[in-house]
Full PDB file with SEQRES, HELIX, SHEET, SSBOND, CRYST1, ORIGX, SCALE, CONECT and MASTER records, all heavy atoms in Angstrom:
SEQRES   1 A   37  ALA VAL PRO GLU LEU GLU LEU ASP LEU PRO ALA THR ALA          
SEQRES   2 A   37  ILE GLY LYS ASP TYR LEU GLY ALA SER ILE LEU GLY ALA          
SEQRES   3 A   37  ALA PRO SER GLY SER GLY TYR GLN LEU SER LEU                  
HELIX    1 AA1 PRO A    3  LEU A    5  5                                   3    
SHEET    1 AA1 2 LEU A  24  GLY A  25  0                                        
SHEET    2 AA1 2 GLN A  34  LEU A  35 -1                                        
CRYST1    1.000    1.000    1.000  90.00  90.00  90.00 P 1           1          
ORIGX1      1.000000  0.000000  0.000000        0.00000                         
ORIGX2      0.000000  1.000000  0.000000        0.00000                         
ORIGX3      0.000000  0.000000  1.000000        0.00000                         
SCALE1      1.000000  0.000000  0.000000        0.00000                         
SCALE2      0.000000  1.000000  0.000000        0.00000                         
SCALE3      0.000000  0.000000  1.000000        0.00000                         
ATOM      1  N   ALA A   1       0.815  -1.213   0.000  1.00  0.00           N  
ATOM      2  CA  ALA A   1       0.000   0.000   0.000  1.00  0.00           C  
ATOM      3  C   ALA A   1       0.848   1.263   0.000  1.00  0.00           C  
ATOM      4  O   ALA A   1       0.401   2.327  -0.453  1.00  0.00           O  
ATOM      5  CB  ALA A   1      -0.927   0.003   1.219  1.00  0.00           C  
ATOM      6  N   VAL A   2       2.086   1.145   0.502  1.00  0.00           N  
ATOM      7  CA  VAL A   2       2.994   2.302   0.591  1.00  0.00           C  
ATOM      8  C   VAL A   2       4.335   1.896  -0.028  1.00  0.00           C  
ATOM      9  O   VAL A   2       5.333   1.691   0.677  1.00  0.00           O  
ATOM     10  CB  VAL A   2       3.181   2.751   2.056  1.00  0.00           C  
ATOM     11  CG1 VAL A   2       3.915   4.086   2.120  1.00  0.00           C  
ATOM     12  CG2 VAL A   2       1.844   2.861   2.773  1.00  0.00           C  
ATOM     13  N   PRO A   3       4.399   1.757  -1.359  1.00  0.00           N  
ATOM     14  CA  PRO A   3       5.632   1.295  -2.007  1.00  0.00           C  
ATOM     15  C   PRO A   3       6.819   2.234  -1.835  1.00  0.00           C  
ATOM     16  O   PRO A   3       7.966   1.832  -2.050  1.00  0.00           O  
ATOM     17  CB  PRO A   3       5.232   1.163  -3.481  1.00  0.00           C  
ATOM     18  CG  PRO A   3       4.034   2.048  -3.640  1.00  0.00           C  
ATOM     19  CD  PRO A   3       3.319   1.979  -2.333  1.00  0.00           C  
ATOM     20  N   GLU A   4       6.550   3.476  -1.411  1.00  0.00           N  
ATOM     21  CA  GLU A   4       7.645   4.410  -1.176  1.00  0.00           C  
ATOM     22  C   GLU A   4       8.583   3.949  -0.057  1.00  0.00           C  
ATOM     23  O   GLU A   4       9.711   4.440   0.055  1.00  0.00           O  
ATOM     24  CB  GLU A   4       7.093   5.806  -0.819  1.00  0.00           C  
ATOM     25  CG  GLU A   4       6.370   6.502  -1.947  1.00  0.00           C  
ATOM     26  CD  GLU A   4       4.883   6.166  -1.997  1.00  0.00           C  
ATOM     27  OE1 GLU A   4       4.470   5.146  -1.370  1.00  0.00           O  
ATOM     28  OE2 GLU A   4       4.134   6.908  -2.654  1.00  0.00           O  
ATOM     29  N   LEU A   5       8.139   3.015   0.758  1.00  0.00           N  
ATOM     30  CA  LEU A   5       9.012   2.462   1.794  1.00  0.00           C  
ATOM     31  C   LEU A   5      10.162   1.664   1.188  1.00  0.00           C  
ATOM     32  O   LEU A   5      11.194   1.476   1.831  1.00  0.00           O  
ATOM     33  CB  LEU A   5       8.215   1.560   2.741  1.00  0.00           C  
ATOM     34  CG  LEU A   5       7.128   2.222   3.590  1.00  0.00           C  
ATOM     35  CD1 LEU A   5       6.369   1.170   4.381  1.00  0.00           C  
ATOM     36  CD2 LEU A   5       7.741   3.256   4.522  1.00  0.00           C  
ATOM     37  N   GLU A   6       9.974   1.156  -0.036  1.00  0.00           N  
ATOM     38  CA  GLU A   6      10.989   0.343  -0.714  1.00  0.00           C  
ATOM     39  C   GLU A   6      11.472  -0.785   0.201  1.00  0.00           C  
ATOM     40  O   GLU A   6      12.665  -1.031   0.369  1.00  0.00           O  
ATOM     41  CB  GLU A   6      12.166   1.198  -1.193  1.00  0.00           C  
ATOM     42  CG  GLU A   6      11.756   2.245  -2.217  1.00  0.00           C  
ATOM     43  CD  GLU A   6      12.941   2.983  -2.809  1.00  0.00           C  
ATOM     44  OE1 GLU A   6      14.102   2.692  -2.429  1.00  0.00           O  
ATOM     45  OE2 GLU A   6      12.716   3.864  -3.656  1.00  0.00           O  
ATOM     46  N   LEU A   7      10.512  -1.494   0.776  1.00  0.00           N  
ATOM     47  CA  LEU A   7      10.806  -2.530   1.757  1.00  0.00           C  
ATOM     48  C   LEU A   7      11.174  -3.845   1.073  1.00  0.00           C  
ATOM     49  O   LEU A   7      10.362  -4.427   0.354  1.00  0.00           O  
ATOM     50  CB  LEU A   7       9.595  -2.728   2.666  1.00  0.00           C  
ATOM     51  CG  LEU A   7       9.687  -3.842   3.703  1.00  0.00           C  
ATOM     52  CD1 LEU A   7      10.863  -3.611   4.645  1.00  0.00           C  
ATOM     53  CD2 LEU A   7       8.381  -3.952   4.472  1.00  0.00           C  
ATOM     54  N   ASP A   8      12.380  -4.308   1.315  1.00  0.00           N  
ATOM     55  CA  ASP A   8      12.864  -5.578   0.785  1.00  0.00           C  
ATOM     56  C   ASP A   8      12.932  -6.567   1.947  1.00  0.00           C  
ATOM     57  O   ASP A   8      13.923  -6.622   2.679  1.00  0.00           O  
ATOM     58  CB  ASP A   8      14.232  -5.393   0.133  1.00  0.00           C  
ATOM     59  CG  ASP A   8      14.787  -6.687  -0.451  1.00  0.00           C  
ATOM     60  OD1 ASP A   8      13.994  -7.621  -0.678  1.00  0.00           O  
ATOM     61  OD2 ASP A   8      16.014  -6.763  -0.677  1.00  0.00           O  
ATOM     62  N   LEU A   9      11.879  -7.354   2.129  1.00  0.00           N  
ATOM     63  CA  LEU A   9      11.824  -8.299   3.238  1.00  0.00           C  
ATOM     64  C   LEU A   9      12.729  -9.492   2.961  1.00  0.00           C  
ATOM     65  O   LEU A   9      12.864  -9.925   1.816  1.00  0.00           O  
ATOM     66  CB  LEU A   9      10.389  -8.773   3.450  1.00  0.00           C  
ATOM     67  CG  LEU A   9       9.441  -7.739   4.066  1.00  0.00           C  
ATOM     68  CD1 LEU A   9       7.993  -8.198   3.932  1.00  0.00           C  
ATOM     69  CD2 LEU A   9       9.786  -7.493   5.530  1.00  0.00           C  
ATOM     70  N   PRO A  10      13.339 -10.056   4.003  1.00  0.00           N  
ATOM     71  CA  PRO A  10      14.245 -11.204   3.817  1.00  0.00           C  
ATOM     72  C   PRO A  10      13.484 -12.489   3.560  1.00  0.00           C  
ATOM     73  O   PRO A  10      12.248 -12.545   3.711  1.00  0.00           O  
ATOM     74  CB  PRO A  10      15.002 -11.259   5.147  1.00  0.00           C  
ATOM     75  CG  PRO A  10      14.010 -10.740   6.137  1.00  0.00           C  
ATOM     76  CD  PRO A  10      13.269  -9.641   5.418  1.00  0.00           C  
ATOM     77  N   ALA A  11      14.216 -13.540   3.216  1.00  0.00           N  
ATOM     78  CA  ALA A  11      13.605 -14.845   2.952  1.00  0.00           C  
ATOM     79  C   ALA A  11      12.906 -15.404   4.182  1.00  0.00           C  
ATOM     80  O   ALA A  11      11.984 -16.220   4.062  1.00  0.00           O  
ATOM     81  CB  ALA A  11      14.667 -15.817   2.456  1.00  0.00           C  
ATOM     82  N   THR A  12      13.337 -14.996   5.362  1.00  0.00           N  
ATOM     83  CA  THR A  12      12.766 -15.503   6.611  1.00  0.00           C  
ATOM     84  C   THR A  12      11.420 -14.871   6.960  1.00  0.00           C  
ATOM     85  O   THR A  12      10.798 -15.271   7.946  1.00  0.00           O  
ATOM     86  CB  THR A  12      13.752 -15.266   7.765  1.00  0.00           C  
ATOM     87  OG1 THR A  12      14.307 -13.949   7.654  1.00  0.00           O  
ATOM     88  CG2 THR A  12      14.874 -16.299   7.734  1.00  0.00           C  
ATOM     89  N   ALA A  13      10.973 -13.895   6.175  1.00  0.00           N  
ATOM     90  CA  ALA A  13       9.664 -13.278   6.416  1.00  0.00           C  
ATOM     91  C   ALA A  13       8.581 -14.155   5.793  1.00  0.00           C  
ATOM     92  O   ALA A  13       7.851 -13.733   4.883  1.00  0.00           O  
ATOM     93  CB  ALA A  13       9.628 -11.860   5.857  1.00  0.00           C  
ATOM     94  N   ILE A  14       8.472 -15.373   6.292  1.00  0.00           N  
ATOM     95  CA  ILE A  14       7.501 -16.328   5.760  1.00  0.00           C  
ATOM     96  C   ILE A  14       6.091 -15.782   5.967  1.00  0.00           C  
ATOM     97  O   ILE A  14       5.735 -15.355   7.066  1.00  0.00           O  
ATOM     98  CB  ILE A  14       7.663 -17.697   6.444  1.00  0.00           C  
ATOM     99  CG1 ILE A  14       9.032 -18.290   6.105  1.00  0.00           C  
ATOM    100  CG2 ILE A  14       6.549 -18.647   6.051  1.00  0.00           C  
ATOM    101  CD1 ILE A  14       9.372 -19.544   6.878  1.00  0.00           C  
ATOM    102  N   GLY A  15       5.302 -15.797   4.903  1.00  0.00           N  
ATOM    103  CA  GLY A  15       3.963 -15.227   4.946  1.00  0.00           C  
ATOM    104  C   GLY A  15       3.840 -13.972   4.110  1.00  0.00           C  
ATOM    105  O   GLY A  15       2.733 -13.548   3.775  1.00  0.00           O  
ATOM    106  N   LYS A  16       4.960 -13.366   3.744  1.00  0.00           N  
ATOM    107  CA  LYS A  16       4.921 -12.139   2.947  1.00  0.00           C  
ATOM    108  C   LYS A  16       4.354 -12.374   1.554  1.00  0.00           C  
ATOM    109  O   LYS A  16       3.854 -11.448   0.914  1.00  0.00           O  
ATOM    110  CB  LYS A  16       6.311 -11.526   2.835  1.00  0.00           C  
ATOM    111  CG  LYS A  16       7.323 -12.348   2.040  1.00  0.00           C  
ATOM    112  CD  LYS A  16       8.709 -11.706   2.076  1.00  0.00           C  
ATOM    113  CE  LYS A  16       9.759 -12.533   1.355  1.00  0.00           C  
ATOM    114  NZ  LYS A  16       9.517 -12.637  -0.088  1.00  0.00           N  
ATOM    115  N   ASP A  17       4.414 -13.629   1.069  1.00  0.00           N  
ATOM    116  CA  ASP A  17       3.949 -13.955  -0.269  1.00  0.00           C  
ATOM    117  C   ASP A  17       2.480 -14.378  -0.300  1.00  0.00           C  
ATOM    118  O   ASP A  17       1.954 -14.699  -1.365  1.00  0.00           O  
ATOM    119  CB  ASP A  17       4.808 -15.091  -0.851  1.00  0.00           C  
ATOM    120  CG  ASP A  17       6.277 -14.705  -0.951  1.00  0.00           C  
ATOM    121  OD1 ASP A  17       6.572 -13.597  -1.407  1.00  0.00           O  
ATOM    122  OD2 ASP A  17       7.124 -15.529  -0.562  1.00  0.00           O  
ATOM    123  N   TYR A  18       1.829 -14.384   0.849  1.00  0.00           N  
ATOM    124  CA  TYR A  18       0.430 -14.798   0.911  1.00  0.00           C  
ATOM    125  C   TYR A  18      -0.468 -13.712   0.314  1.00  0.00           C  
ATOM    126  O   TYR A  18      -0.462 -12.570   0.772  1.00  0.00           O  
ATOM    127  CB  TYR A  18       0.038 -15.072   2.364  1.00  0.00           C  
ATOM    128  CG  TYR A  18      -1.368 -15.599   2.534  1.00  0.00           C  
ATOM    129  CD1 TYR A  18      -1.637 -16.960   2.377  1.00  0.00           C  
ATOM    130  CD2 TYR A  18      -2.413 -14.754   2.844  1.00  0.00           C  
ATOM    131  CE1 TYR A  18      -2.924 -17.458   2.541  1.00  0.00           C  
ATOM    132  CE2 TYR A  18      -3.710 -15.234   3.010  1.00  0.00           C  
ATOM    133  CZ  TYR A  18      -3.949 -16.579   2.848  1.00  0.00           C  
ATOM    134  OH  TYR A  18      -5.228 -17.054   3.002  1.00  0.00           O  
ATOM    135  N   LEU A  19      -1.236 -14.089  -0.711  1.00  0.00           N  
ATOM    136  CA  LEU A  19      -2.129 -13.142  -1.381  1.00  0.00           C  
ATOM    137  C   LEU A  19      -3.600 -13.510  -1.222  1.00  0.00           C  
ATOM    138  O   LEU A  19      -4.454 -12.974  -1.936  1.00  0.00           O  
ATOM    139  CB  LEU A  19      -1.787 -13.069  -2.876  1.00  0.00           C  
ATOM    140  CG  LEU A  19      -0.398 -12.532  -3.247  1.00  0.00           C  
ATOM    141  CD1 LEU A  19      -0.209 -12.608  -4.761  1.00  0.00           C  
ATOM    142  CD2 LEU A  19      -0.209 -11.110  -2.754  1.00  0.00           C  
ATOM    143  N   GLY A  20      -3.896 -14.425  -0.309  1.00  0.00           N  
ATOM    144  CA  GLY A  20      -5.279 -14.832  -0.130  1.00  0.00           C  
ATOM    145  C   GLY A  20      -5.798 -15.576  -1.340  1.00  0.00           C  
ATOM    146  O   GLY A  20      -5.138 -16.463  -1.879  1.00  0.00           O  
ATOM    147  N   ALA A  21      -6.982 -15.180  -1.825  1.00  0.00           N  
ATOM    148  CA  ALA A  21      -7.597 -15.835  -2.973  1.00  0.00           C  
ATOM    149  C   ALA A  21      -6.976 -15.393  -4.292  1.00  0.00           C  
ATOM    150  O   ALA A  21      -7.219 -16.018  -5.328  1.00  0.00           O  
ATOM    151  CB  ALA A  21      -9.097 -15.558  -2.990  1.00  0.00           C  
ATOM    152  N   SER A  22      -6.199 -14.336  -4.272  1.00  0.00           N  
ATOM    153  CA  SER A  22      -5.570 -13.834  -5.496  1.00  0.00           C  
ATOM    154  C   SER A  22      -4.360 -14.688  -5.859  1.00  0.00           C  
ATOM    155  O   SER A  22      -3.707 -15.273  -4.999  1.00  0.00           O  
ATOM    156  CB  SER A  22      -5.135 -12.381  -5.318  1.00  0.00           C  
ATOM    157  OG  SER A  22      -6.243 -11.551  -5.038  1.00  0.00           O  
ATOM    158  N   ILE A  23      -4.055 -14.723  -7.123  1.00  0.00           N  
ATOM    159  CA  ILE A  23      -2.881 -15.440  -7.616  1.00  0.00           C  
ATOM    160  C   ILE A  23      -1.818 -14.469  -8.107  1.00  0.00           C  
ATOM    161  O   ILE A  23      -0.617 -14.694  -7.929  1.00  0.00           O  
ATOM    162  CB  ILE A  23      -3.269 -16.410  -8.748  1.00  0.00           C  
ATOM    163  CG1 ILE A  23      -4.226 -17.483  -8.209  1.00  0.00           C  
ATOM    164  CG2 ILE A  23      -2.037 -17.076  -9.357  1.00  0.00           C  
ATOM    165  CD1 ILE A  23      -4.728 -18.437  -9.263  1.00  0.00           C  
ATOM    166  N   LEU A  24      -2.249 -13.358  -8.697  1.00  0.00           N  
ATOM    167  CA  LEU A  24      -1.333 -12.361  -9.239  1.00  0.00           C  
ATOM    168  C   LEU A  24      -1.478 -11.041  -8.498  1.00  0.00           C  
ATOM    169  O   LEU A  24      -2.601 -10.592  -8.230  1.00  0.00           O  
ATOM    170  CB  LEU A  24      -1.607 -12.152 -10.730  1.00  0.00           C  
ATOM    171  CG  LEU A  24      -0.691 -11.178 -11.473  1.00  0.00           C  
ATOM    172  CD1 LEU A  24       0.743 -11.705 -11.502  1.00  0.00           C  
ATOM    173  CD2 LEU A  24      -1.200 -10.937 -12.883  1.00  0.00           C  
ATOM    174  N   GLY A  25      -0.364 -10.432  -8.132  1.00  0.00           N  
ATOM    175  CA  GLY A  25      -0.391  -9.143  -7.453  1.00  0.00           C  
ATOM    176  C   GLY A  25       0.964  -8.485  -7.502  1.00  0.00           C  
ATOM    177  O   GLY A  25       1.883  -8.958  -8.178  1.00  0.00           O  
ATOM    178  N   ALA A  26       1.082  -7.388  -6.777  1.00  0.00           N  
ATOM    179  CA  ALA A  26       2.375  -6.721  -6.665  1.00  0.00           C  
ATOM    180  C   ALA A  26       3.290  -7.542  -5.778  1.00  0.00           C  
ATOM    181  O   ALA A  26       2.832  -8.269  -4.896  1.00  0.00           O  
ATOM    182  CB  ALA A  26       2.213  -5.312  -6.099  1.00  0.00           C  
ATOM    183  N   ALA A  27       4.598  -7.455  -6.006  1.00  0.00           N  
ATOM    184  CA  ALA A  27       5.571  -8.095  -5.125  1.00  0.00           C  
ATOM    185  C   ALA A  27       5.442  -7.482  -3.729  1.00  0.00           C  
ATOM    186  O   ALA A  27       4.857  -6.403  -3.565  1.00  0.00           O  
ATOM    187  CB  ALA A  27       6.975  -7.912  -5.683  1.00  0.00           C  
ATOM    188  N   PRO A  28       5.966  -8.142  -2.693  1.00  0.00           N  
ATOM    189  CA  PRO A  28       5.798  -7.642  -1.325  1.00  0.00           C  
ATOM    190  C   PRO A  28       6.217  -6.191  -1.121  1.00  0.00           C  
ATOM    191  O   PRO A  28       5.663  -5.507  -0.250  1.00  0.00           O  
ATOM    192  CB  PRO A  28       6.673  -8.596  -0.505  1.00  0.00           C  
ATOM    193  CG  PRO A  28       6.584  -9.880  -1.247  1.00  0.00           C  
ATOM    194  CD  PRO A  28       6.597  -9.479  -2.704  1.00  0.00           C  
ATOM    195  N   SER A  29       7.177  -5.681  -1.876  1.00  0.00           N  
ATOM    196  CA  SER A  29       7.602  -4.289  -1.729  1.00  0.00           C  
ATOM    197  C   SER A  29       6.584  -3.310  -2.290  1.00  0.00           C  
ATOM    198  O   SER A  29       6.670  -2.099  -2.057  1.00  0.00           O  
ATOM    199  CB  SER A  29       8.935  -4.068  -2.440  1.00  0.00           C  
ATOM    200  OG  SER A  29       8.767  -4.182  -3.849  1.00  0.00           O  
ATOM    201  N   GLY A  30       5.621  -3.804  -3.053  1.00  0.00           N  
ATOM    202  CA  GLY A  30       4.650  -2.932  -3.708  1.00  0.00           C  
ATOM    203  C   GLY A  30       5.037  -2.582  -5.125  1.00  0.00           C  
ATOM    204  O   GLY A  30       4.254  -1.965  -5.858  1.00  0.00           O  
ATOM    205  N   SER A  31       6.238  -2.964  -5.546  1.00  0.00           N  
ATOM    206  CA  SER A  31       6.688  -2.732  -6.909  1.00  0.00           C  
ATOM    207  C   SER A  31       6.771  -4.068  -7.639  1.00  0.00           C  
ATOM    208  O   SER A  31       6.783  -5.130  -7.014  1.00  0.00           O  
ATOM    209  CB  SER A  31       8.065  -2.056  -6.923  1.00  0.00           C  
ATOM    210  OG  SER A  31       9.042  -2.911  -6.348  1.00  0.00           O  
ATOM    211  N   GLY A  32       6.836  -4.030  -8.964  1.00  0.00           N  
ATOM    212  CA  GLY A  32       6.981  -5.267  -9.720  1.00  0.00           C  
ATOM    213  C   GLY A  32       5.757  -6.156  -9.630  1.00  0.00           C  
ATOM    214  O   GLY A  32       4.638  -5.697  -9.366  1.00  0.00           O  
ATOM    215  N   TYR A  33       5.984  -7.453  -9.793  1.00  0.00           N  
ATOM    216  CA  TYR A  33       4.878  -8.404  -9.878  1.00  0.00           C  
ATOM    217  C   TYR A  33       5.188  -9.676  -9.088  1.00  0.00           C  
ATOM    218  O   TYR A  33       6.343 -10.021  -8.860  1.00  0.00           O  
ATOM    219  CB  TYR A  33       4.606  -8.774 -11.339  1.00  0.00           C  
ATOM    220  CG  TYR A  33       4.268  -7.581 -12.194  1.00  0.00           C  
ATOM    221  CD1 TYR A  33       5.267  -6.931 -12.919  1.00  0.00           C  
ATOM    222  CD2 TYR A  33       2.968  -7.095 -12.269  1.00  0.00           C  
ATOM    223  CE1 TYR A  33       4.966  -5.815 -13.691  1.00  0.00           C  
ATOM    224  CE2 TYR A  33       2.660  -5.985 -13.038  1.00  0.00           C  
ATOM    225  CZ  TYR A  33       3.661  -5.350 -13.756  1.00  0.00           C  
ATOM    226  OH  TYR A  33       3.362  -4.251 -14.509  1.00  0.00           O  
ATOM    227  N   GLN A  34       4.104 -10.343  -8.707  1.00  0.00           N  
ATOM    228  CA  GLN A  34       4.237 -11.600  -7.984  1.00  0.00           C  
ATOM    229  C   GLN A  34       3.150 -12.568  -8.412  1.00  0.00           C  
ATOM    230  O   GLN A  34       1.983 -12.196  -8.550  1.00  0.00           O  
ATOM    231  CB  GLN A  34       4.137 -11.375  -6.475  1.00  0.00           C  
ATOM    232  CG  GLN A  34       4.260 -12.654  -5.659  1.00  0.00           C  
ATOM    233  CD  GLN A  34       4.298 -12.377  -4.165  1.00  0.00           C  
ATOM    234  OE1 GLN A  34       3.497 -11.602  -3.659  1.00  0.00           O  
ATOM    235  NE2 GLN A  34       5.221 -13.005  -3.472  1.00  0.00           N  
ATOM    236  N   LEU A  35       3.542 -13.811  -8.626  1.00  0.00           N  
ATOM    237  CA  LEU A  35       2.619 -14.910  -8.858  1.00  0.00           C  
ATOM    238  C   LEU A  35       2.717 -15.825  -7.650  1.00  0.00           C  
ATOM    239  O   LEU A  35       3.806 -16.310  -7.322  1.00  0.00           O  
ATOM    240  CB  LEU A  35       3.001 -15.667 -10.128  1.00  0.00           C  
ATOM    241  CG  LEU A  35       2.099 -16.842 -10.546  1.00  0.00           C  
ATOM    242  CD1 LEU A  35       0.733 -16.324 -10.964  1.00  0.00           C  
ATOM    243  CD2 LEU A  35       2.750 -17.630 -11.676  1.00  0.00           C  
ATOM    244  N   SER A  36       1.605 -16.055  -6.959  1.00  0.00           N  
ATOM    245  CA  SER A  36       1.668 -16.816  -5.710  1.00  0.00           C  
ATOM    246  C   SER A  36       0.427 -17.666  -5.533  1.00  0.00           C  
ATOM    247  O   SER A  36      -0.701 -17.188  -5.693  1.00  0.00           O  
ATOM    248  CB  SER A  36       1.818 -15.877  -4.512  1.00  0.00           C  
ATOM    249  OG  SER A  36       1.888 -16.596  -3.301  1.00  0.00           O  
ATOM    250  N   LEU A  37       0.632 -18.937  -5.176  1.00  0.00           N  
ATOM    251  CA  LEU A  37      -0.453 -19.861  -4.900  1.00  0.00           C  
ATOM    252  C   LEU A  37      -0.537 -20.042  -3.387  1.00  0.00           C  
ATOM    253  O   LEU A  37       0.240 -20.784  -2.781  1.00  0.00           O  
ATOM    254  CB  LEU A  37      -0.203 -21.203  -5.594  1.00  0.00           C  
ATOM    255  CG  LEU A  37      -1.288 -22.273  -5.449  1.00  0.00           C  
ATOM    256  CD1 LEU A  37      -2.605 -21.792  -6.055  1.00  0.00           C  
ATOM    257  CD2 LEU A  37      -0.848 -23.569  -6.101  1.00  0.00           C  
TER     258      LEU A  37                                                      
MASTER        0    0    0    1    2    0    0    6  257    1    0    3          
END                                                                             
């Protein structure tokens, strides 16, 4: 929601890739793209 933070979460931030019922969305930082099941 606030991509200006430019937040790059580490691999240990398990759960950051959860998009609920969605499959396609923005990457966790709010920039780019993510495909997640």
